[in-house]
Amino acid sequence: MRLIITIGIVLAASVAMSQTFSEKITREYIFEKKSNENAILIANINGGISVVGYDGDKIQVEVTRTIKGKTAERLEAGKIITLGVIDLADTLVFYTEGLCSKFGRKQNHKNNWGHTKGWGYDWNGRDPDDCSDKVEYTLDYVVRVPRNTNVIVSTVNQGNIKIDNVAGGIVSNNVNGAIALNGISREAVAHTINGNVDITYAKNPQSPCRFYTLNGDINAWFQKGLQAELSFESFNGQFFTNVASLQSMPVVVRKEDSKEGLKFKIKGNQFKIGAGGVQLNFETFNGNVYLKEKS
């Protein structure tokens, strides 16, 4: 018991001696080239992301930047970690600047985490002795975008992803956190490892959607009258729905080329809702899928 108490005192002292810096970064942008392809891309690492669609034409960004270091010197050096922005006229890219891993757009590059449309962090070539992030940091995003903006977001640790009232297409990736998409109306991708995926459609989608979580449930709400073809895969989970017009479809056999010759992949759990239509893909490992129509 004495050893445990001693360790607790040392840990408490260590936390007390840590240095913290926090600030709010506020920016406002406008798409120089306006079109239906306008998009924002947020490639976060530590921290949450909230995106809300509204009827204005400006992109309003608020980022809470928090840096923690065990010494004043480390804290000061860690302040190099901040919000990075790339303006491509029709697209705005937000990322974490000041890390040992550089951010950019590269095609077919190994070890690029979270690359979407070629954007990602390059983890190659870093020397762990000369280049290591010696502080703890988070960037927490709160962003307002024109309602029809396409949204591509990702984060890894210490935060959830929440997107509300966006009428553009959505791609969302998390690792250790949940994803919630509310009031959406177009194609969407939501992928996380540890967390639930919650989706609520204000208008049923007309293009394919994919929703995945390894350790969590998927809760999907659609408007009444959904017409879709859906697939469900899970190792330990089950599928639940309140949709009455659900019919099983034949097993799909896909043929693929491989080094050993032709490979056949059997894909089961295919269903048709109503007359069929848009493809909806749901997959979990340790979680259930709940698909419901609003009454």
C-alpha atoms as a PDB file:
ATOM      1  CA  MET A   1       0.000   0.000   0.000  1.00  0.00           C
ATOM      2  CA  ARG A   2       2.840   2.390   0.801  1.00  0.00           C
ATOM      3  CA  LEU A   3       4.296   1.845  -2.677  1.00  0.00           C
ATOM      4  CA  ILE A   4       0.969   2.624  -4.325  1.00  0.00           C
ATOM      5  CA  ILE A   5       0.606   5.836  -2.307  1.00  0.00           C
ATOM      6  CA  THR A   6       4.135   6.908  -3.224  1.00  0.00           C
ATOM      7  CA  ILE A   7       3.499   6.327  -6.921  1.00  0.00           C
ATOM      8  CA  GLY A   8       0.252   8.297  -6.687  1.00  0.00           C
ATOM      9  CA  ILE A   9       2.050  11.248  -5.105  1.00  0.00           C
ATOM     10  CA  VAL A  10       4.734  11.213  -7.810  1.00  0.00           C
ATOM     11  CA  LEU A  11       2.131  11.095 -10.590  1.00  0.00           C
ATOM     12  CA  ALA A  12       0.134  13.926  -9.025  1.00  0.00           C
ATOM     13  CA  ALA A  13       3.266  16.034  -8.734  1.00  0.00           C
ATOM     14  CA  SER A  14       4.135  15.314 -12.362  1.00  0.00           C
ATOM     15  CA  VAL A  15       0.684  16.435 -13.531  1.00  0.00           C
ATOM     16  CA  ALA A  16       0.866  19.546 -11.357  1.00  0.00           C
ATOM     17  CA  MET A  17       4.216  20.540 -12.850  1.00  0.00           C
ATOM     18  CA  SER A  18       3.047  20.208 -16.460  1.00  0.00           C
ATOM     19  CA  GLN A  19       2.727  23.426 -18.447  1.00  0.00           C
ATOM     20  CA  THR A  20      -0.384  24.223 -20.512  1.00  0.00           C
ATOM     21  CA  PHE A  21      -1.044  26.719 -23.289  1.00  0.00           C
ATOM     22  CA  SER A  22      -4.488  27.184 -24.826  1.00  0.00           C
ATOM     23  CA  GLU A  23      -5.946  29.631 -27.335  1.00  0.00           C
ATOM     24  CA  LYS A  24      -8.845  29.996 -29.747  1.00  0.00           C
ATOM     25  CA  ILE A  25      -7.996  30.512 -33.398  1.00  0.00           C
ATOM     26  CA  THR A  26     -10.799  32.187 -35.365  1.00  0.00           C
ATOM     27  CA  ARG A  27     -10.723  32.425 -39.153  1.00  0.00           C
ATOM     28  CA  GLU A  28     -13.207  33.224 -41.900  1.00  0.00           C
ATOM     29  CA  TYR A  29     -12.951  32.206 -45.550  1.00  0.00           C
ATOM     30  CA  ILE A  30     -14.979  32.276 -48.737  1.00  0.00           C
ATOM     31  CA  PHE A  31     -14.678  29.978 -51.737  1.00  0.00           C
ATOM     32  CA  GLU A  32     -12.942  31.955 -54.458  1.00  0.00           C
ATOM     33  CA  LYS A  33     -14.380  29.606 -57.083  1.00  0.00           C
ATOM     34  CA  LYS A  34     -17.976  28.671 -56.308  1.00  0.00           C
ATOM     35  CA  SER A  35     -19.451  25.416 -57.634  1.00  0.00           C
ATOM     36  CA  ASN A  36     -21.235  22.237 -56.580  1.00  0.00           C
ATOM     37  CA  GLU A  37     -17.780  20.743 -56.013  1.00  0.00           C
ATOM     38  CA  ASN A  38     -16.866  23.138 -53.184  1.00  0.00           C
ATOM     39  CA  ALA A  39     -15.405  21.175 -50.284  1.00  0.00           C
ATOM     40  CA  ILE A  40     -13.625  21.435 -46.972  1.00  0.00           C
ATOM     41  CA  LEU A  41     -11.139  18.816 -45.843  1.00  0.00           C
ATOM     42  CA  ILE A  42     -10.105  18.585 -42.185  1.00  0.00           C
ATOM     43  CA  ALA A  43      -7.240  16.182 -41.451  1.00  0.00           C
ATOM     44  CA  ASN A  44      -6.991  16.245 -37.674  1.00  0.00           C
ATOM     45  CA  ILE A  45      -4.956  13.933 -35.432  1.00  0.00           C
ATOM     46  CA  ASN A  46      -5.799  14.781 -31.815  1.00  0.00           C
ATOM     47  CA  GLY A  47      -9.114  16.472 -31.125  1.00  0.00           C
ATOM     48  CA  GLY A  48     -12.759  16.573 -32.100  1.00  0.00           C
ATOM     49  CA  ILE A  49     -14.480  17.985 -35.173  1.00  0.00           C
ATOM     50  CA  SER A  50     -17.896  19.651 -35.380  1.00  0.00           C
ATOM     51  CA  VAL A  51     -19.214  20.893 -38.739  1.00  0.00           C
ATOM     52  CA  VAL A  52     -22.568  22.655 -39.154  1.00  0.00           C
ATOM     53  CA  GLY A  53     -24.206  23.676 -42.418  1.00  0.00           C
ATOM     54  CA  TYR A  54     -25.983  27.043 -42.648  1.00  0.00           C
ATOM     55  CA  ASP A  55     -27.445  29.385 -45.264  1.00  0.00           C
ATOM     56  CA  GLY A  56     -24.525  31.826 -45.458  1.00  0.00           C
ATOM     57  CA  ASP A  57     -21.623  31.838 -47.943  1.00  0.00           C
ATOM     58  CA  LYS A  58     -18.659  32.008 -45.555  1.00  0.00           C
ATOM     59  CA  ILE A  59     -16.628  29.233 -43.966  1.00  0.00           C
ATOM     60  CA  GLN A  60     -16.280  30.150 -40.302  1.00  0.00           C
ATOM     61  CA  VAL A  61     -13.581  28.255 -38.432  1.00  0.00           C
ATOM     62  CA  GLU A  62     -12.912  28.180 -34.702  1.00  0.00           C
ATOM     63  CA  VAL A  63     -10.107  25.952 -33.446  1.00  0.00           C
ATOM     64  CA  THR A  64      -9.208  25.519 -29.789  1.00  0.00           C
ATOM     65  CA  ARG A  65      -5.492  24.760 -29.682  1.00  0.00           C
ATOM     66  CA  THR A  66      -4.161  23.179 -26.488  1.00  0.00           C
ATOM     67  CA  ILE A  67      -0.491  22.346 -25.913  1.00  0.00           C
ATOM     68  CA  LYS A  68       0.875  20.593 -22.822  1.00  0.00           C
ATOM     69  CA  GLY A  69       4.554  20.172 -21.968  1.00  0.00           C
ATOM     70  CA  LYS A  70       6.407  18.884 -18.930  1.00  0.00           C
ATOM     71  CA  THR A  71       8.723  21.903 -18.939  1.00  0.00           C
ATOM     72  CA  ALA A  72       8.388  25.523 -20.008  1.00  0.00           C
ATOM     73  CA  GLU A  73      11.025  24.925 -22.681  1.00  0.00           C
ATOM     74  CA  ARG A  74       9.165  21.991 -24.173  1.00  0.00           C
ATOM     75  CA  LEU A  75       5.902  23.903 -24.073  1.00  0.00           C
ATOM     76  CA  GLU A  76       7.431  26.847 -25.906  1.00  0.00           C
ATOM     77  CA  ALA A  77       8.933  24.582 -28.544  1.00  0.00           C
ATOM     78  CA  GLY A  78       5.599  22.786 -28.910  1.00  0.00           C
ATOM     79  CA  LYS A  79       3.780  25.981 -29.849  1.00  0.00           C
ATOM     80  CA  ILE A  80       4.960  25.363 -33.392  1.00  0.00           C
ATOM     81  CA  ILE A  81       2.066  22.902 -33.601  1.00  0.00           C
ATOM     82  CA  THR A  82      -0.867  24.895 -34.928  1.00  0.00           C
ATOM     83  CA  LEU A  83      -3.578  25.139 -37.564  1.00  0.00           C
ATOM     84  CA  GLY A  84      -2.398  24.741 -41.145  1.00  0.00           C
ATOM     85  CA  VAL A  85      -4.504  25.905 -44.105  1.00  0.00           C
ATOM     86  CA  ILE A  86      -4.278  25.288 -47.845  1.00  0.00           C
ATOM     87  CA  ASP A  87      -6.611  27.346 -50.056  1.00  0.00           C
ATOM     88  CA  LEU A  88      -7.283  25.712 -53.431  1.00  0.00           C
ATOM     89  CA  ALA A  89      -9.907  28.271 -54.556  1.00  0.00           C
ATOM     90  CA  ASP A  90     -12.750  25.722 -54.633  1.00  0.00           C
ATOM     91  CA  THR A  91     -11.527  23.631 -51.670  1.00  0.00           C
ATOM     92  CA  LEU A  92     -10.151  24.473 -48.235  1.00  0.00           C
ATOM     93  CA  VAL A  93      -7.792  22.033 -46.520  1.00  0.00           C
ATOM     94  CA  PHE A  94      -7.173  22.254 -42.763  1.00  0.00           C
ATOM     95  CA  TYR A  95      -4.477  20.197 -41.062  1.00  0.00           C
ATOM     96  CA  THR A  96      -2.089  20.084 -38.097  1.00  0.00           C
ATOM     97  CA  GLU A  97       1.059  22.054 -38.911  1.00  0.00           C
ATOM     98  CA  GLY A  98       4.377  21.804 -37.070  1.00  0.00           C
ATOM     99  CA  LEU A  99       4.556  18.043 -36.631  1.00  0.00           C
ATOM    100  CA  CYS A 100       7.505  15.854 -37.502  1.00  0.00           C
ATOM    101  CA  SER A 101       5.310  14.240 -40.140  1.00  0.00           C
ATOM    102  CA  LYS A 102       4.739  16.498 -43.126  1.00  0.00           C
ATOM    103  CA  PHE A 103       1.300  16.982 -44.623  1.00  0.00           C
ATOM    104  CA  GLY A 104       0.663  17.125 -48.327  1.00  0.00           C
ATOM    105  CA  ARG A 105      -0.881  15.562 -51.380  1.00  0.00           C
ATOM    106  CA  LYS A 106       0.797  12.423 -52.626  1.00  0.00           C
ATOM    107  CA  GLN A 107      -0.528   9.605 -54.730  1.00  0.00           C
ATOM    108  CA  ASN A 108       0.266   5.914 -54.122  1.00  0.00           C
ATOM    109  CA  HIS A 109       2.527   6.682 -51.175  1.00  0.00           C
ATOM    110  CA  LYS A 110       2.892   4.010 -48.504  1.00  0.00           C
ATOM    111  CA  ASN A 111       2.208   4.831 -44.854  1.00  0.00           C
ATOM    112  CA  ASN A 112       0.135   7.920 -45.611  1.00  0.00           C
ATOM    113  CA  TRP A 113      -2.528   7.830 -42.887  1.00  0.00           C
ATOM    114  CA  GLY A 114      -5.998   9.047 -43.641  1.00  0.00           C
ATOM    115  CA  HIS A 115      -5.233  10.102 -47.194  1.00  0.00           C
ATOM    116  CA  THR A 116      -8.416  11.283 -48.860  1.00  0.00           C
ATOM    117  CA  LYS A 117      -8.127  12.389 -52.458  1.00  0.00           C
ATOM    118  CA  GLY A 118      -4.376  11.990 -51.974  1.00  0.00           C
ATOM    119  CA  TRP A 119      -4.083  14.224 -48.899  1.00  0.00           C
ATOM    120  CA  GLY A 120      -2.384  12.851 -45.806  1.00  0.00           C
ATOM    121  CA  TYR A 121       0.509  12.846 -43.357  1.00  0.00           C
ATOM    122  CA  ASP A 122       3.808  11.336 -44.494  1.00  0.00           C
ATOM    123  CA  TRP A 123       5.193   9.114 -41.730  1.00  0.00           C
ATOM    124  CA  ASN A 124       8.176   7.948 -43.796  1.00  0.00           C
ATOM    125  CA  GLY A 125      11.721   9.155 -43.277  1.00  0.00           C
ATOM    126  CA  ARG A 126      11.347  10.535 -39.753  1.00  0.00           C
ATOM    127  CA  ASP A 127      14.243   9.871 -37.389  1.00  0.00           C
ATOM    128  CA  PRO A 128      12.817   9.055 -33.926  1.00  0.00           C
ATOM    129  CA  ASP A 129      15.995  10.344 -32.266  1.00  0.00           C
ATOM    130  CA  ASP A 130      15.992  13.713 -33.989  1.00  0.00           C
ATOM    131  CA  CYS A 131      12.289  14.158 -34.594  1.00  0.00           C
ATOM    132  CA  SER A 132       9.691  13.383 -31.958  1.00  0.00           C
ATOM    133  CA  ASP A 133       6.678  15.276 -30.728  1.00  0.00           C
ATOM    134  CA  LYS A 134       7.630  16.060 -27.113  1.00  0.00           C
ATOM    135  CA  VAL A 135       4.352  17.668 -26.107  1.00  0.00           C
ATOM    136  CA  GLU A 136       0.716  16.651 -25.897  1.00  0.00           C
ATOM    137  CA  TYR A 137      -1.608  18.614 -28.143  1.00  0.00           C
ATOM    138  CA  THR A 138      -5.199  18.817 -29.342  1.00  0.00           C
ATOM    139  CA  LEU A 139      -6.917  20.870 -32.013  1.00  0.00           C
ATOM    140  CA  ASP A 140     -10.696  20.963 -31.510  1.00  0.00           C
ATOM    141  CA  TYR A 141     -12.604  22.241 -34.557  1.00  0.00           C
ATOM    142  CA  VAL A 142     -15.967  23.992 -34.709  1.00  0.00           C
ATOM    143  CA  VAL A 143     -16.751  24.933 -38.321  1.00  0.00           C
ATOM    144  CA  ARG A 144     -19.758  26.478 -40.079  1.00  0.00           C
ATOM    145  CA  VAL A 145     -20.009  25.937 -43.826  1.00  0.00           C
ATOM    146  CA  PRO A 146     -22.447  26.837 -46.623  1.00  0.00           C
ATOM    147  CA  ARG A 147     -25.072  24.106 -46.502  1.00  0.00           C
ATOM    148  CA  ASN A 148     -24.243  22.492 -49.870  1.00  0.00           C
ATOM    149  CA  THR A 149     -20.523  22.138 -49.134  1.00  0.00           C
ATOM    150  CA  ASN A 150     -18.945  18.695 -49.481  1.00  0.00           C
ATOM    151  CA  VAL A 151     -17.264  17.687 -46.215  1.00  0.00           C
ATOM    152  CA  ILE A 152     -14.261  15.362 -45.778  1.00  0.00           C
ATOM    153  CA  VAL A 153     -13.034  15.005 -42.193  1.00  0.00           C
ATOM    154  CA  SER A 154     -10.815  12.708 -40.149  1.00  0.00           C
ATOM    155  CA  THR A 155      -9.303  12.481 -36.687  1.00  0.00           C
ATOM    156  CA  VAL A 156      -7.504   9.816 -34.644  1.00  0.00           C
ATOM    157  CA  ASN A 157      -7.576  10.441 -30.894  1.00  0.00           C
ATOM    158  CA  GLN A 158      -9.315  12.463 -28.178  1.00  0.00           C
ATOM    159  CA  GLY A 159     -12.371  13.500 -30.096  1.00  0.00           C
ATOM    160  CA  ASN A 160     -15.627  12.657 -31.830  1.00  0.00           C
ATOM    161  CA  ILE A 161     -16.858  13.741 -35.250  1.00  0.00           C
ATOM    162  CA  LYS A 162     -20.230  15.491 -35.529  1.00  0.00           C
ATOM    163  CA  ILE A 163     -21.715  16.862 -38.747  1.00  0.00           C
ATOM    164  CA  ASP A 164     -25.105  18.610 -38.791  1.00  0.00           C
ATOM    165  CA  ASN A 165     -27.393  19.892 -41.565  1.00  0.00           C
ATOM    166  CA  VAL A 166     -24.931  19.487 -44.424  1.00  0.00           C
ATOM    167  CA  ALA A 167     -26.501  18.870 -47.844  1.00  0.00           C
ATOM    168  CA  GLY A 168     -23.263  17.967 -49.618  1.00  0.00           C
ATOM    169  CA  GLY A 169     -21.514  14.612 -49.767  1.00  0.00           C
ATOM    170  CA  ILE A 170     -19.730  13.472 -46.603  1.00  0.00           C
ATOM    171  CA  VAL A 171     -16.647  11.363 -45.886  1.00  0.00           C
ATOM    172  CA  SER A 172     -15.806  10.911 -42.190  1.00  0.00           C
ATOM    173  CA  ASN A 173     -13.051   8.800 -40.622  1.00  0.00           C
ATOM    174  CA  ASN A 174     -12.261   8.347 -36.937  1.00  0.00           C
ATOM    175  CA  VAL A 175     -10.187   5.873 -34.931  1.00  0.00           C
ATOM    176  CA  ASN A 176     -10.857   6.343 -31.222  1.00  0.00           C
ATOM    177  CA  GLY A 177     -14.163   8.150 -31.202  1.00  0.00           C
ATOM    178  CA  ALA A 178     -17.749   8.201 -32.399  1.00  0.00           C
ATOM    179  CA  ILE A 179     -19.251   9.651 -35.577  1.00  0.00           C
ATOM    180  CA  ALA A 180     -22.649  11.387 -35.725  1.00  0.00           C
ATOM    181  CA  LEU A 181     -24.147  12.640 -39.004  1.00  0.00           C
ATOM    182  CA  ASN A 182     -27.422  14.516 -38.461  1.00  0.00           C
ATOM    183  CA  GLY A 183     -29.834  16.044 -40.951  1.00  0.00           C
ATOM    184  CA  ILE A 184     -27.875  14.921 -44.011  1.00  0.00           C
ATOM    185  CA  SER A 185     -29.310  14.215 -47.468  1.00  0.00           C
ATOM    186  CA  ARG A 186     -26.625  12.868 -49.810  1.00  0.00           C
ATOM    187  CA  GLU A 187     -24.087  10.065 -50.083  1.00  0.00           C
ATOM    188  CA  ALA A 188     -22.027   9.498 -46.955  1.00  0.00           C
ATOM    189  CA  VAL A 189     -19.136   7.410 -45.673  1.00  0.00           C
ATOM    190  CA  ALA A 190     -18.569   6.957 -41.934  1.00  0.00           C
ATOM    191  CA  HIS A 191     -15.739   4.745 -40.671  1.00  0.00           C
ATOM    192  CA  THR A 192     -14.437   4.356 -37.117  1.00  0.00           C
ATOM    193  CA  ILE A 193     -12.674   1.718 -35.036  1.00  0.00           C
ATOM    194  CA  ASN A 194     -13.813   2.452 -31.480  1.00  0.00           C
ATOM    195  CA  GLY A 195     -17.166   4.202 -31.290  1.00  0.00           C
ATOM    196  CA  ASN A 196     -20.750   4.279 -32.471  1.00  0.00           C
ATOM    197  CA  VAL A 197     -21.858   5.547 -35.866  1.00  0.00           C
ATOM    198  CA  ASP A 198     -25.163   7.477 -35.778  1.00  0.00           C
ATOM    199  CA  ILE A 199     -26.800   8.702 -38.986  1.00  0.00           C
ATOM    200  CA  THR A 200     -30.024  10.653 -39.426  1.00  0.00           C
ATOM    201  CA  TYR A 201     -31.218  11.514 -42.931  1.00  0.00           C
ATOM    202  CA  ALA A 202     -33.412  14.558 -43.552  1.00  0.00           C
ATOM    203  CA  LYS A 203     -33.821  13.327 -47.137  1.00  0.00           C
ATOM    204  CA  ASN A 204     -33.058   9.795 -48.264  1.00  0.00           C
ATOM    205  CA  PRO A 205     -29.827   9.472 -50.286  1.00  0.00           C
ATOM    206  CA  GLN A 206     -29.721   8.787 -54.023  1.00  0.00           C
ATOM    207  CA  SER A 207     -26.091   7.602 -54.180  1.00  0.00           C
ATOM    208  CA  PRO A 208     -24.238   4.708 -52.457  1.00  0.00           C
ATOM    209  CA  CYS A 209     -23.357   4.997 -48.756  1.00  0.00           C
ATOM    210  CA  ARG A 210     -21.038   2.995 -46.502  1.00  0.00           C
ATOM    211  CA  PHE A 211     -21.034   2.850 -42.689  1.00  0.00           C
ATOM    212  CA  TYR A 212     -18.505   0.882 -40.619  1.00  0.00           C
ATOM    213  CA  THR A 213     -17.412   0.460 -37.015  1.00  0.00           C
ATOM    214  CA  LEU A 214     -15.225  -2.229 -35.489  1.00  0.00           C
ATOM    215  CA  ASN A 215     -16.273  -1.795 -31.859  1.00  0.00           C
ATOM    216  CA  GLY A 216     -19.616  -0.041 -31.718  1.00  0.00           C
ATOM    217  CA  ASP A 217     -23.185   0.036 -33.005  1.00  0.00           C
ATOM    218  CA  ILE A 218     -24.543   1.656 -36.149  1.00  0.00           C
ATOM    219  CA  ASN A 219     -27.824   3.554 -35.710  1.00  0.00           C
ATOM    220  CA  ALA A 220     -29.290   4.730 -39.015  1.00  0.00           C
ATOM    221  CA  TRP A 221     -32.534   6.705 -39.366  1.00  0.00           C
ATOM    222  CA  PHE A 222     -34.073   7.282 -42.796  1.00  0.00           C
ATOM    223  CA  GLN A 223     -37.215   9.004 -44.000  1.00  0.00           C
ATOM    224  CA  LYS A 224     -40.293   6.852 -44.561  1.00  0.00           C
ATOM    225  CA  GLY A 225     -40.484   5.297 -48.030  1.00  0.00           C
ATOM    226  CA  LEU A 226     -36.822   4.273 -48.288  1.00  0.00           C
ATOM    227  CA  GLN A 227     -36.037   2.414 -51.533  1.00  0.00           C
ATOM    228  CA  ALA A 228     -32.675   0.687 -51.274  1.00  0.00           C
ATOM    229  CA  GLU A 229     -30.540  -2.405 -51.618  1.00  0.00           C
ATOM    230  CA  LEU A 230     -28.445  -2.991 -48.534  1.00  0.00           C
ATOM    231  CA  SER A 231     -25.712  -5.319 -47.375  1.00  0.00           C
ATOM    232  CA  PHE A 232     -24.932  -6.240 -43.775  1.00  0.00           C
ATOM    233  CA  GLU A 233     -21.761  -7.879 -42.464  1.00  0.00           C
ATOM    234  CA  SER A 234     -20.740  -8.537 -38.858  1.00  0.00           C
ATOM    235  CA  PHE A 235     -18.730 -11.044 -36.842  1.00  0.00           C
ATOM    236  CA  ASN A 236     -20.556 -10.700 -33.515  1.00  0.00           C
ATOM    237  CA  GLY A 237     -23.381  -8.296 -34.299  1.00  0.00           C
ATOM    238  CA  GLN A 238     -26.989  -8.526 -35.437  1.00  0.00           C
ATOM    239  CA  PHE A 239     -29.242  -6.511 -37.736  1.00  0.00           C
ATOM    240  CA  PHE A 240     -32.480  -4.908 -36.490  1.00  0.00           C
ATOM    241  CA  THR A 241     -35.026  -2.844 -38.422  1.00  0.00           C
ATOM    242  CA  ASN A 242     -38.594  -1.551 -38.286  1.00  0.00           C
ATOM    243  CA  VAL A 243     -38.901  -1.639 -42.091  1.00  0.00           C
ATOM    244  CA  ALA A 244     -41.698  -4.009 -43.095  1.00  0.00           C
ATOM    245  CA  SER A 245     -40.914  -4.253 -46.820  1.00  0.00           C
ATOM    246  CA  LEU A 246     -37.567  -6.038 -46.376  1.00  0.00           C
ATOM    247  CA  GLN A 247     -36.734  -8.926 -48.709  1.00  0.00           C
ATOM    248  CA  SER A 248     -33.687 -11.195 -48.836  1.00  0.00           C
ATOM    249  CA  MET A 249     -31.698 -11.103 -52.072  1.00  0.00           C
ATOM    250  CA  PRO A 250     -29.633 -13.887 -53.678  1.00  0.00           C
ATOM    251  CA  VAL A 251     -26.072 -14.382 -52.474  1.00  0.00           C
ATOM    252  CA  VAL A 252     -23.591 -12.339 -54.498  1.00  0.00           C
ATOM    253  CA  VAL A 253     -20.493 -14.129 -55.835  1.00  0.00           C
ATOM    254  CA  ARG A 254     -17.668 -11.854 -56.929  1.00  0.00           C
ATOM    255  CA  LYS A 255     -14.843 -13.053 -59.144  1.00  0.00           C
ATOM    256  CA  GLU A 256     -11.416 -11.465 -58.661  1.00  0.00           C
ATOM    257  CA  ASP A 257      -7.994 -12.080 -60.178  1.00  0.00           C
ATOM    258  CA  SER A 258      -5.161 -13.039 -57.824  1.00  0.00           C
ATOM    259  CA  LYS A 259      -1.591 -14.363 -58.076  1.00  0.00           C
ATOM    260  CA  GLU A 260      -2.887 -17.882 -57.444  1.00  0.00           C
ATOM    261  CA  GLY A 261      -5.572 -17.581 -60.107  1.00  0.00           C
ATOM    262  CA  LEU A 262      -9.235 -16.685 -59.952  1.00  0.00           C
ATOM    263  CA  LYS A 263     -10.625 -15.956 -56.499  1.00  0.00           C
ATOM    264  CA  PHE A 264     -14.321 -16.082 -55.679  1.00  0.00           C
ATOM    265  CA  LYS A 265     -15.747 -14.072 -52.804  1.00  0.00           C
ATOM    266  CA  ILE A 266     -19.199 -14.893 -51.494  1.00  0.00           C
ATOM    267  CA  LYS A 267     -21.069 -11.941 -50.077  1.00  0.00           C
ATOM    268  CA  GLY A 268     -24.254 -12.727 -48.158  1.00  0.00           C
ATOM    269  CA  ASN A 269     -26.814 -10.786 -46.135  1.00  0.00           C
ATOM    270  CA  GLN A 270     -28.130  -8.795 -49.068  1.00  0.00           C
ATOM    271  CA  PHE A 271     -31.569  -7.216 -48.691  1.00  0.00           C
ATOM    272  CA  LYS A 272     -33.968  -5.124 -50.735  1.00  0.00           C
ATOM    273  CA  ILE A 273     -36.146  -2.427 -49.213  1.00  0.00           C
ATOM    274  CA  GLY A 274     -39.238  -1.551 -51.209  1.00  0.00           C
ATOM    275  CA  ALA A 275     -38.516  -1.664 -54.934  1.00  0.00           C
ATOM    276  CA  GLY A 276     -34.766  -1.422 -54.338  1.00  0.00           C
ATOM    277  CA  GLY A 277     -32.487   1.375 -55.400  1.00  0.00           C
ATOM    278  CA  VAL A 278     -29.527   3.062 -53.732  1.00  0.00           C
ATOM    279  CA  GLN A 279     -26.819   0.781 -52.294  1.00  0.00           C
ATOM    280  CA  LEU A 280     -26.383   0.987 -48.498  1.00  0.00           C
ATOM    281  CA  ASN A 281     -23.497  -0.920 -46.924  1.00  0.00           C
ATOM    282  CA  PHE A 282     -23.355  -1.601 -43.174  1.00  0.00           C
ATOM    283  CA  GLU A 283     -20.497  -3.436 -41.463  1.00  0.00           C
ATOM    284  CA  THR A 284     -19.453  -4.024 -37.855  1.00  0.00           C
ATOM    285  CA  PHE A 285     -17.302  -6.493 -35.969  1.00  0.00           C
ATOM    286  CA  ASN A 286     -18.502  -6.229 -32.358  1.00  0.00           C
ATOM    287  CA  GLY A 287     -21.701  -4.275 -32.732  1.00  0.00           C
ATOM    288  CA  ASN A 288     -25.268  -4.274 -33.995  1.00  0.00           C
ATOM    289  CA  VAL A 289     -26.878  -2.370 -36.838  1.00  0.00           C
ATOM    290  CA  TYR A 290     -30.207  -0.622 -36.240  1.00  0.00           C
ATOM    291  CA  LEU A 291     -31.889   0.660 -39.404  1.00  0.00           C
ATOM    292  CA  LYS A 292     -35.158   2.507 -38.917  1.00  0.00           C
ATOM    293  CA  GLU A 293     -37.580   4.586 -40.917  1.00  0.00           C
ATOM    294  CA  LYS A 294     -39.034   7.642 -39.240  1.00  0.00           C
ATOM    295  CA  SER A 295     -42.760   7.290 -38.651  1.00  0.00           C
END
